[in-house]
Protein backbone atom coordinates (compact mmCIF):
# COMPACT_ATOMS: atom_id res chain seq x y z
CA UNK A 1 18.96 2.52 22.88
CA UNK A 2 17.43 -0.30 20.88
CA UNK A 3 13.92 0.19 19.62
CA UNK A 4 12.26 -2.81 18.03
CA UNK A 5 9.21 -3.44 16.10
CA UNK A 6 7.02 -6.29 17.29
CA UNK A 7 4.06 -7.48 15.16
CA UNK A 8 3.92 -4.38 13.34
CA UNK A 9 3.93 -2.20 16.40
CA UNK A 10 6.78 0.21 16.98
CA UNK A 11 7.30 2.24 20.21
CA UNK A 12 6.15 5.72 20.47
CA UNK A 13 8.82 7.70 22.20
CA UNK A 14 8.29 11.39 22.96
CA UNK A 15 11.13 13.74 22.00
CA UNK A 16 11.66 14.71 25.60
CA UNK A 17 12.09 11.33 27.06
CA UNK A 18 15.47 10.21 28.25
CA UNK A 19 16.22 6.62 27.10
CA UNK A 20 19.53 5.21 28.16
CA UNK A 21 21.72 3.64 25.38
CA UNK A 22 21.53 0.30 27.12
CA UNK A 23 17.63 0.28 27.34
CA UNK A 24 15.56 -1.94 25.07
CA UNK A 25 12.07 -0.79 23.92
CA UNK A 26 9.98 -3.40 21.92
CA UNK A 27 6.49 -3.34 20.40
CA UNK A 28 3.36 -1.42 21.46
CA UNK A 29 4.92 0.91 23.90
CA UNK A 30 4.30 4.66 24.62
CA UNK A 31 7.14 6.56 26.36
CA UNK A 32 5.53 9.90 27.36
CA UNK A 33 6.82 13.39 27.89
CA UNK A 34 9.65 13.80 30.29
CA UNK A 35 9.77 9.96 30.98
CA UNK A 36 12.93 8.09 31.53
CA UNK A 37 14.08 4.51 31.05
CA UNK A 38 17.51 3.93 32.71
CA UNK A 39 20.39 1.52 32.16
CA UNK A 40 19.38 -1.96 31.52
CA UNK A 41 15.67 -1.33 31.24
CA UNK A 42 13.59 -3.66 28.98
CA UNK A 43 10.00 -2.53 28.16
CA UNK A 44 8.08 -5.07 26.10
CA UNK A 45 4.73 -4.28 24.57
CA UNK A 46 4.33 -7.72 23.14
CA UNK A 47 1.05 -8.89 24.80
CA UNK A 48 -0.49 -5.66 25.81
CA UNK A 49 0.08 -2.11 25.32
CA UNK A 50 2.52 -0.36 27.94
């Protein structure tokens, strides 16, 4: 899993969330309890919060 800061915003990932090793999470993103991001997923919180 790649987690990247964007404009001083880091993703907030709940410890129970499953994030695949090939997923990319950038910026102002919240991944909630028991959520999952599967292979190849890209989540960008660069313009608005997700």
